């Protein structure tokens, strides 16, 4: 996945989930944050951030904040990126006879439905941007939706599907993701229940640059 027209700026503040202020070319500028999570450990005053120019020139926020430097590494924080890179990854693998995004199952839309021979797969994708002590943690804010998806994957597994929870690790140097029990104990409970039911946990490591994100 490649971004276009990426520029470097300095982070100033984030007054709400959707807007951040940055310094670009010596001027204070409001930009759109493509992540509604907290990102408190990443978006620190003075941090180097990377912005993609919006395609709509009439938009009030002329850039999207898509990545940030932290501890000498670049972390992609675009919450729309994980599904895009997984779709590219599945197509590149070429292992499945059918790959269908946004598949309705139960009361939810699961990110991907795949078929390979007689087998049917359901895959839910989560992007991980919170790293501590060499481990990725998900989520960085409570998510009722995330726990519901895990329970539906467990039901699907029991119904004969091959169910997968895939964590896209949006920074380098991290090998695995664990549930963030402290932040969201309900998600953690659903995660371990899903594992016990046979849901596969997939950790997808990425190569990250200011203007690219690719599963390796």
Protein backbone atom coordinates (compact mmCIF):
# COMPACT_ATOMS: atom_id res chain seq x y z
CA UNK A 1 0.00 0.00 0.00
CA UNK A 2 1.41 3.36 -1.04
CA UNK A 3 0.39 6.89 -0.08
CA UNK A 4 0.74 9.85 -2.41
CA UNK A 5 2.17 13.30 -1.68
CA UNK A 6 3.42 12.60 1.85
CA UNK A 7 5.07 15.43 3.79
CA UNK A 8 6.80 15.61 7.17
CA UNK A 9 5.56 17.82 10.01
CA UNK A 10 5.85 18.27 13.78
CA UNK A 11 2.95 17.27 16.03
CA UNK A 12 1.56 19.96 18.36
CA UNK A 13 -1.70 18.73 19.91
CA UNK A 14 -4.87 16.72 19.38
CA UNK A 15 -7.98 18.53 20.66
CA UNK A 16 -10.33 15.69 19.69
CA UNK A 17 -10.37 12.26 18.04
CA UNK A 18 -10.55 13.59 14.51
CA UNK A 19 -8.35 16.68 14.47
CA UNK A 20 -4.70 17.35 15.27
CA UNK A 21 -2.61 20.48 15.05
CA UNK A 22 0.81 20.23 13.43
CA UNK A 23 3.56 22.60 12.41
CA UNK A 24 4.20 22.46 8.68
CA UNK A 25 6.59 24.87 6.96
CA UNK A 26 6.61 27.05 10.08
CA UNK A 27 2.82 27.37 10.23
CA UNK A 28 0.23 25.82 12.57
CA UNK A 29 -2.19 23.66 10.60
CA UNK A 30 -5.26 21.54 11.45
CA UNK A 31 -5.16 18.04 9.93
CA UNK A 32 -7.43 15.00 9.98
CA UNK A 33 -6.33 12.04 12.15
CA UNK A 34 -7.07 8.72 10.41
CA UNK A 35 -7.37 6.89 13.73
CA UNK A 36 -10.09 7.33 16.37
CA UNK A 37 -8.07 5.42 19.00
CA UNK A 38 -6.22 7.25 21.75
CA UNK A 39 -2.64 6.96 20.41
CA UNK A 40 -1.51 8.74 23.59
CA UNK A 41 1.85 6.97 23.63
CA UNK A 42 2.55 8.04 20.04
CA UNK A 43 1.15 11.50 19.43
CA UNK A 44 3.40 13.48 21.72
CA UNK A 45 4.18 17.19 21.35
CA UNK A 46 7.21 17.65 19.10
CA UNK A 47 6.93 14.19 17.50
CA UNK A 48 7.66 13.87 13.80
CA UNK A 49 4.51 12.95 11.91
CA UNK A 50 3.76 12.19 8.27
CA UNK A 51 0.82 13.64 6.39
CA UNK A 52 -0.83 12.63 3.14
CA UNK A 53 -2.34 15.42 1.08
CA UNK A 54 -6.12 15.12 0.77
CA UNK A 55 -7.43 14.48 -2.73
CA UNK A 56 -10.28 16.96 -2.22
CA UNK A 57 -8.76 20.46 -2.43
CA UNK A 58 -11.92 21.97 -0.88
CA UNK A 59 -11.62 20.00 2.35
CA UNK A 60 -11.15 22.04 5.54
CA UNK A 61 -8.30 19.77 6.68
CA UNK A 62 -5.90 19.62 3.72
CA UNK A 63 -3.91 16.64 5.05
CA UNK A 64 -4.44 13.27 6.75
CA UNK A 65 -2.08 12.27 9.55
CA UNK A 66 -1.06 8.70 8.68
CA UNK A 67 2.18 7.92 10.53
CA UNK A 68 4.38 9.02 13.43
CA UNK A 69 7.98 8.46 14.52
CA UNK A 70 8.36 6.83 17.94
CA UNK A 71 11.55 5.48 19.54
CA UNK A 72 13.36 5.90 16.25
CA UNK A 73 10.82 3.91 14.24
CA UNK A 74 7.90 4.83 12.03
CA UNK A 75 4.46 3.61 13.11
CA UNK A 76 1.55 3.77 10.70
CA UNK A 77 -1.61 4.85 12.56
CA UNK A 78 -4.05 4.88 9.63
CA UNK A 79 -6.98 2.75 10.83
CA UNK A 80 -8.14 2.21 7.23
CA UNK A 81 -4.79 0.77 6.17
CA UNK A 82 -4.97 -2.74 7.73
CA UNK A 83 -7.89 -3.91 5.57
CA UNK A 84 -6.27 -2.49 2.45
CA UNK A 85 -2.92 -4.19 3.04
CA UNK A 86 -4.59 -7.50 3.97
CA UNK A 87 -6.55 -7.42 0.72
CA UNK A 88 -3.33 -6.79 -1.20
CA UNK A 89 -1.62 -9.56 0.79
CA UNK A 90 -4.36 -12.14 0.11
CA UNK A 91 -4.37 -11.29 -3.59
CA UNK A 92 -0.58 -11.55 -3.71
CA UNK A 93 -0.65 -14.95 -2.00
CA UNK A 94 -3.10 -16.29 -4.55
CA UNK A 95 -4.00 -19.20 -2.26
CA UNK A 96 -7.75 -18.66 -2.21
CA UNK A 97 -10.32 -19.34 -4.91
CA UNK A 98 -12.44 -16.43 -3.65
CA UNK A 99 -11.66 -13.36 -1.53
CA UNK A 100 -14.67 -11.22 -0.63
CA UNK A 101 -14.35 -8.14 1.63
CA UNK A 102 -17.12 -6.96 3.98
CA UNK A 103 -19.01 -10.23 4.37
CA UNK A 104 -22.21 -10.20 6.43
CA UNK A 105 -22.24 -12.87 9.11
CA UNK A 106 -24.60 -12.88 12.09
CA UNK A 107 -25.09 -9.33 13.29
CA UNK A 108 -21.79 -8.06 11.90
CA UNK A 109 -19.82 -7.50 8.76
CA UNK A 110 -16.68 -9.60 8.95
CA UNK A 111 -13.74 -8.09 7.06
CA UNK A 112 -13.04 -11.01 4.70
CA UNK A 113 -14.74 -14.18 3.50
CA UNK A 114 -12.54 -16.61 1.58
CA UNK A 115 -12.93 -19.98 -0.08
CA UNK A 116 -10.27 -22.58 -0.86
CA UNK A 117 -11.61 -25.81 -2.27
CA UNK A 118 -14.39 -26.98 0.05
CA UNK A 119 -13.19 -24.83 2.95
CA UNK A 120 -14.81 -21.54 3.91
CA UNK A 121 -12.93 -18.89 5.90
CA UNK A 122 -13.91 -15.82 7.87
CA UNK A 123 -11.19 -13.32 8.78
CA UNK A 124 -11.53 -10.27 10.99
CA UNK A 125 -8.68 -7.73 10.74
CA UNK A 126 -7.42 -5.49 13.55
CA UNK A 127 -4.63 -2.94 13.28
CA UNK A 128 -2.18 -2.77 16.18
CA UNK A 129 -0.27 0.45 16.94
CA UNK A 130 0.34 0.09 20.70
CA UNK A 131 3.67 -1.54 21.54
CA UNK A 132 5.15 -2.23 24.98
CA UNK A 133 8.23 -4.27 25.88
CA UNK A 134 8.47 -5.74 22.40
CA UNK A 135 4.83 -6.88 22.31
CA UNK A 136 1.84 -5.43 20.47
CA UNK A 137 -1.28 -4.76 22.54
CA UNK A 138 -4.83 -4.48 21.22
CA UNK A 139 -6.97 -2.46 21.69
CA UNK A 140 -5.65 0.90 22.89
CA UNK A 141 -9.22 1.91 23.86
CA UNK A 142 -12.25 -0.20 24.86
CA UNK A 143 -14.07 -1.75 21.88
CA UNK A 144 -17.40 -3.53 22.30
CA UNK A 145 -17.38 -4.17 18.55
CA UNK A 146 -14.07 -6.03 18.79
CA UNK A 147 -15.35 -8.40 21.47
CA UNK A 148 -18.55 -9.02 19.48
CA UNK A 149 -16.54 -9.91 16.38
CA UNK A 150 -14.46 -12.41 18.33
CA UNK A 151 -17.57 -14.12 19.70
CA UNK A 152 -19.04 -14.34 16.21
CA UNK A 153 -15.78 -15.84 14.91
CA UNK A 154 -15.97 -18.45 17.67
CA UNK A 155 -19.53 -19.28 16.63
CA UNK A 156 -18.46 -19.49 13.00
CA UNK A 157 -15.62 -21.85 13.90
CA UNK A 158 -18.08 -24.13 15.67
CA UNK A 159 -20.40 -23.93 12.65
CA UNK A 160 -17.68 -25.32 10.36
CA UNK A 161 -15.89 -22.22 9.09
CA UNK A 162 -12.16 -21.72 9.48
CA UNK A 163 -12.16 -18.49 11.51
CA UNK A 164 -9.18 -16.13 11.80
CA UNK A 165 -8.42 -12.99 13.80
CA UNK A 166 -5.59 -11.19 11.99
CA UNK A 167 -3.55 -8.47 13.68
CA UNK A 168 -1.76 -6.14 11.28
CA UNK A 169 1.29 -4.90 13.20
CA UNK A 170 1.69 -1.33 11.95
CA UNK A 171 5.27 -0.90 13.18
CA UNK A 172 8.48 -2.89 12.83
CA UNK A 173 10.27 -5.01 15.42
CA UNK A 174 7.14 -6.59 16.91
CA UNK A 175 6.38 -10.28 16.39
CA UNK A 176 3.09 -10.81 18.17
CA UNK A 177 -0.01 -9.13 19.55
CA UNK A 178 -1.72 -9.87 22.84
CA UNK A 179 -5.05 -8.60 24.20
CA UNK A 180 -4.76 -5.42 26.25
CA UNK A 181 -6.40 -6.82 29.37
CA UNK A 182 -5.86 -3.67 31.42
CA UNK A 183 -7.64 -1.44 28.92
CA UNK A 184 -10.37 -3.83 27.74
CA UNK A 185 -10.89 -6.94 29.90
CA UNK A 186 -14.01 -7.88 27.93
CA UNK A 187 -12.06 -8.03 24.67
CA UNK A 188 -9.37 -10.12 26.38
CA UNK A 189 -12.02 -12.54 27.69
CA UNK A 190 -13.55 -12.88 24.22
CA UNK A 191 -10.08 -13.33 22.69
CA UNK A 192 -9.16 -16.29 24.91
CA UNK A 193 -12.60 -17.83 24.47
CA UNK A 194 -12.20 -17.57 20.70
CA UNK A 195 -8.76 -19.19 20.88
CA UNK A 196 -10.21 -22.04 22.93
CA UNK A 197 -12.93 -22.48 20.30
CA UNK A 198 -10.25 -22.95 17.62
CA UNK A 199 -10.11 -19.47 16.08
CA UNK A 200 -6.66 -18.95 14.54
CA UNK A 201 -4.65 -15.92 15.62
CA UNK A 202 -2.55 -14.47 12.80
CA UNK A 203 0.19 -11.89 13.48
CA UNK A 204 1.01 -10.02 10.27
CA UNK A 205 4.31 -8.16 10.42
CA UNK A 206 4.77 -5.13 8.17
CA UNK A 207 7.45 -3.10 6.48
CA UNK A 208 6.70 0.54 7.30
CA UNK A 209 7.98 3.73 5.66
CA UNK A 210 6.52 7.25 5.69
CA UNK A 211 4.58 6.54 2.51
CA UNK A 212 4.14 2.74 2.44
CA UNK A 213 2.74 -0.11 4.52
CA UNK A 214 3.19 -3.69 3.33
CA UNK A 215 2.77 -7.08 4.99
CA UNK A 216 5.98 -9.07 4.86
